[in-house]
C-alpha cells in the first residue's frame, strides 16, 4: 500500500499560547511539509490544534520532532486532547466503483464503502476511525494515545485483507450478492 498524502496533528486540551509554540514550530519545519495552526476564536494568540501535512509521509518526521520538543516544555498527557492522522492510500489490489450518498469530509459526495466507529459520522469525538474504500483508501483516525502514519497504514492493510477474506469484495469487482445485511 502506497501513501499518497498524509496529515498528522494534535488537538490541545485547552488553547496553547502561540508564543510558546512558535520556536518549536520553526525548529520542526522541513522541506515539503506544510504546518497549519487553528487559532482559538475566543482568545487571540492561542492555538487549538496544529497539523503537519505533506505528500507521502514526510510530515511524520517533522511532527515527531515537534512532539519531542513540546514534551520538554509540557506534560503531553496534560496538554494533548487527541492525536490525529489523516491519509490517502493507494491500494494495488482493491478497486471499487459502487455509489455512496454518504459524505466523508467537506460535504463532498463520494463513492465506495465507508466504515466508521462513530455514530452518525460525528467527528467531534476523542477516539474515532473512519475508513473509506474507493479508488483510494482514505483514513481519519483520532486517539488520546500517540500513533503514527505507519500504524494507520498497517491497520488499513489488515482491514483490506479481512474484507477480501470475508468475500465482501473481490479483487476486481464487487460481488453484491455475497454481502449479507
Protein backbone atom coordinates (compact mmCIF):
# COMPACT_ATOMS: atom_id res chain seq x y z
CA UNK A 1 0.00 0.00 0.00
CA UNK A 2 1.39 3.38 -1.02
CA UNK A 3 0.84 6.62 0.92
CA UNK A 4 -0.31 9.43 -1.38
CA UNK A 5 -0.88 12.22 1.17
CA UNK A 6 -0.83 12.39 4.93
CA UNK A 7 -1.55 14.83 7.73
CA UNK A 8 -0.59 14.38 11.36
CA UNK A 9 -1.69 16.66 14.16
CA UNK A 10 -2.71 17.25 17.73
CA UNK A 11 -5.70 18.88 19.34
CA UNK A 12 -4.94 20.61 22.62
CA UNK A 13 -7.00 20.16 25.81
CA UNK A 14 -7.04 23.94 26.23
CA UNK A 15 -5.77 26.51 23.75
CA UNK A 16 -1.98 26.71 23.92
CA UNK A 17 -0.07 30.04 23.79
CA UNK A 18 1.23 30.69 20.27
CA UNK A 19 4.35 32.40 21.62
CA UNK A 20 5.42 29.14 23.29
CA UNK A 21 4.72 27.07 20.15
CA UNK A 22 6.37 29.30 17.54
CA UNK A 23 10.02 28.47 18.44
CA UNK A 24 9.24 24.73 18.42
CA UNK A 25 7.37 25.02 15.11
CA UNK A 26 10.28 26.85 13.47
CA UNK A 27 12.70 24.12 14.58
CA UNK A 28 10.30 21.46 13.25
CA UNK A 29 9.96 22.89 9.72
CA UNK A 30 11.09 20.57 6.93
CA UNK A 31 11.05 20.95 3.15
CA UNK A 32 7.73 19.84 1.62
CA UNK A 33 5.83 19.91 4.93
CA UNK A 34 3.02 22.40 5.50
CA UNK A 35 2.17 23.41 9.07
CA UNK A 36 -1.35 24.68 9.80
CA UNK A 37 -2.41 26.28 13.06
CA UNK A 38 -6.04 26.58 14.15
CA UNK A 39 -6.40 29.60 16.39
CA UNK A 40 -8.93 29.86 19.18
CA UNK A 41 -11.63 32.30 18.06
CA UNK A 42 -12.30 33.38 21.66
CA UNK A 43 -8.72 34.23 22.64
CA UNK A 44 -6.21 35.68 20.19
CA UNK A 45 -2.70 34.26 20.01
CA UNK A 46 -3.80 30.88 21.39
CA UNK A 47 -3.79 27.69 19.29
CA UNK A 48 -6.46 24.94 19.44
CA UNK A 49 -4.76 22.48 17.09
CA UNK A 50 -1.74 22.06 14.84
CA UNK A 51 -1.48 19.90 11.71
CA UNK A 52 1.59 18.86 9.71
CA UNK A 53 0.75 17.75 6.15
CA UNK A 54 2.73 16.56 3.13
CA UNK A 55 2.90 14.26 0.15
CA UNK A 56 3.75 10.68 1.16
CA UNK A 57 4.63 10.56 4.88
CA UNK A 58 7.29 13.30 5.13
CA UNK A 59 5.22 15.10 7.75
CA UNK A 60 5.70 12.31 10.32
CA UNK A 61 9.36 13.23 10.91
CA UNK A 62 8.53 16.91 11.49
CA UNK A 63 5.62 16.02 13.75
CA UNK A 64 7.72 13.60 15.84
CA UNK A 65 10.39 16.28 16.29
CA UNK A 66 7.69 18.79 17.31
CA UNK A 67 6.18 16.35 19.86
CA UNK A 68 9.59 15.58 21.38
CA UNK A 69 10.33 19.30 21.79
CA UNK A 70 6.84 20.02 23.18
CA UNK A 71 7.28 17.20 25.71
CA UNK A 72 10.31 19.05 27.12
CA UNK A 73 8.15 22.10 27.88
CA UNK A 74 4.89 20.41 28.95
CA UNK A 75 3.49 17.09 30.09
CA UNK A 76 1.84 15.79 26.91
CA UNK A 77 -0.86 13.96 28.89
CA UNK A 78 -2.00 17.29 30.29
CA UNK A 79 -1.92 19.39 27.10
CA UNK A 80 -2.85 16.96 24.28
CA UNK A 81 -6.55 16.08 23.96
CA UNK A 82 -6.07 13.84 20.91
CA UNK A 83 -3.60 12.83 18.22
CA UNK A 84 -4.97 12.68 14.68
CA UNK A 85 -3.80 11.14 11.41
CA UNK A 86 -5.47 11.60 8.04
CA UNK A 87 -4.10 9.84 4.99
CA UNK A 88 -4.92 8.82 1.44
CA UNK A 89 -3.56 5.44 0.40
CA UNK A 90 -3.29 3.73 -2.98
CA UNK A 91 -4.09 0.05 -2.94
CA UNK A 92 -2.74 -2.22 -5.63
CA UNK A 93 -5.46 -4.84 -5.17
CA UNK A 94 -8.68 -3.06 -4.28
CA UNK A 95 -10.74 -1.19 -6.89
CA UNK A 96 -14.28 -0.12 -6.10
CA UNK A 97 -16.87 1.72 -8.11
CA UNK A 98 -20.07 1.49 -6.11
CA UNK A 99 -22.07 4.65 -5.43
CA UNK A 100 -22.47 6.10 -1.97
CA UNK A 101 -24.51 9.04 -0.74
CA UNK A 102 -22.51 9.41 2.46
CA UNK A 103 -20.15 12.38 2.69
CA UNK A 104 -16.83 11.66 4.39
CA UNK A 105 -15.50 15.16 4.98
CA UNK A 106 -16.22 18.53 3.43
CA UNK A 107 -19.76 17.85 2.20
CA UNK A 108 -18.49 16.02 -0.87
CA UNK A 109 -20.46 13.06 -2.18
CA UNK A 110 -18.14 10.13 -2.68
CA UNK A 111 -18.39 6.56 -3.83
CA UNK A 112 -17.20 3.39 -2.21
CA UNK A 113 -17.60 1.75 1.17
CA UNK A 114 -17.32 3.74 4.39
CA UNK A 115 -16.56 2.11 7.74
CA UNK A 116 -16.81 4.16 10.90
CA UNK A 117 -16.79 3.50 14.63
CA UNK A 118 -18.67 6.72 15.43
CA UNK A 119 -22.41 7.23 15.38
CA UNK A 120 -23.78 9.42 12.56
CA UNK A 121 -20.26 10.22 11.31
CA UNK A 122 -19.81 12.65 14.23
CA UNK A 123 -16.16 13.72 14.06
CA UNK A 124 -16.27 15.68 17.34
CA UNK A 125 -15.02 12.70 19.33
CA UNK A 126 -11.74 11.99 21.07
CA UNK A 127 -11.44 8.45 19.72
CA UNK A 128 -12.62 7.69 16.22
CA UNK A 129 -11.71 5.97 12.99
CA UNK A 130 -13.34 6.47 9.60
CA UNK A 131 -12.14 4.48 6.58
CA UNK A 132 -13.40 4.91 3.02
CA UNK A 133 -12.56 2.32 0.37
CA UNK A 134 -12.80 3.59 -3.21
CA UNK A 135 -10.17 4.24 -5.90
CA UNK A 136 -8.10 5.37 -2.90
CA UNK A 137 -8.36 4.40 0.73
CA UNK A 138 -8.95 7.44 2.94
CA UNK A 139 -8.48 7.17 6.68
CA UNK A 140 -9.15 9.58 9.54
CA UNK A 141 -8.07 8.27 12.92
CA UNK A 142 -8.00 10.08 16.24
CA UNK A 143 -6.97 8.77 19.66
CA UNK A 144 -5.74 10.05 23.01
CA UNK A 145 -2.60 7.89 22.70
CA UNK A 146 0.23 8.57 20.24
CA UNK A 147 0.26 6.66 16.93
CA UNK A 148 1.88 7.25 13.54
CA UNK A 149 1.01 7.18 9.85
CA UNK A 150 2.75 3.80 9.58
CA UNK A 151 0.42 2.37 12.26
CA UNK A 152 -2.61 3.60 10.29
CA UNK A 153 -1.29 2.08 7.05
CA UNK A 154 -0.76 -1.29 8.77
CA UNK A 155 -4.31 -1.22 10.14
CA UNK A 156 -5.73 -0.30 6.70
CA UNK A 157 -3.84 -3.22 5.12
CA UNK A 158 -5.27 -5.60 7.73
CA UNK A 159 -8.80 -4.27 7.15
CA UNK A 160 -8.40 -4.66 3.39
CA UNK A 161 -7.33 -8.30 3.83
CA UNK A 162 -10.22 -9.03 6.19
CA UNK A 163 -12.74 -7.58 3.72
CA UNK A 164 -11.30 -9.65 0.88
CA UNK A 165 -11.24 -12.82 3.02
CA UNK A 166 -14.86 -12.36 4.02
CA UNK A 167 -15.74 -12.35 0.35
CA UNK A 168 -17.33 -8.92 0.53
CA UNK A 169 -15.04 -7.57 -2.15
CA UNK A 170 -13.37 -9.44 -4.95
CA UNK A 171 -10.12 -8.14 -6.35
CA UNK A 172 -11.62 -6.57 -9.48
CA UNK A 173 -15.34 -6.19 -8.83
CA UNK A 174 -17.89 -6.04 -6.08
CA UNK A 175 -19.97 -9.15 -5.57
CA UNK A 176 -23.07 -7.60 -4.01
CA UNK A 177 -24.80 -10.97 -3.67
CA UNK A 178 -22.22 -12.09 -1.10
CA UNK A 179 -22.95 -9.16 1.24
CA UNK A 180 -25.40 -10.13 3.98
CA UNK A 181 -27.09 -7.34 5.90
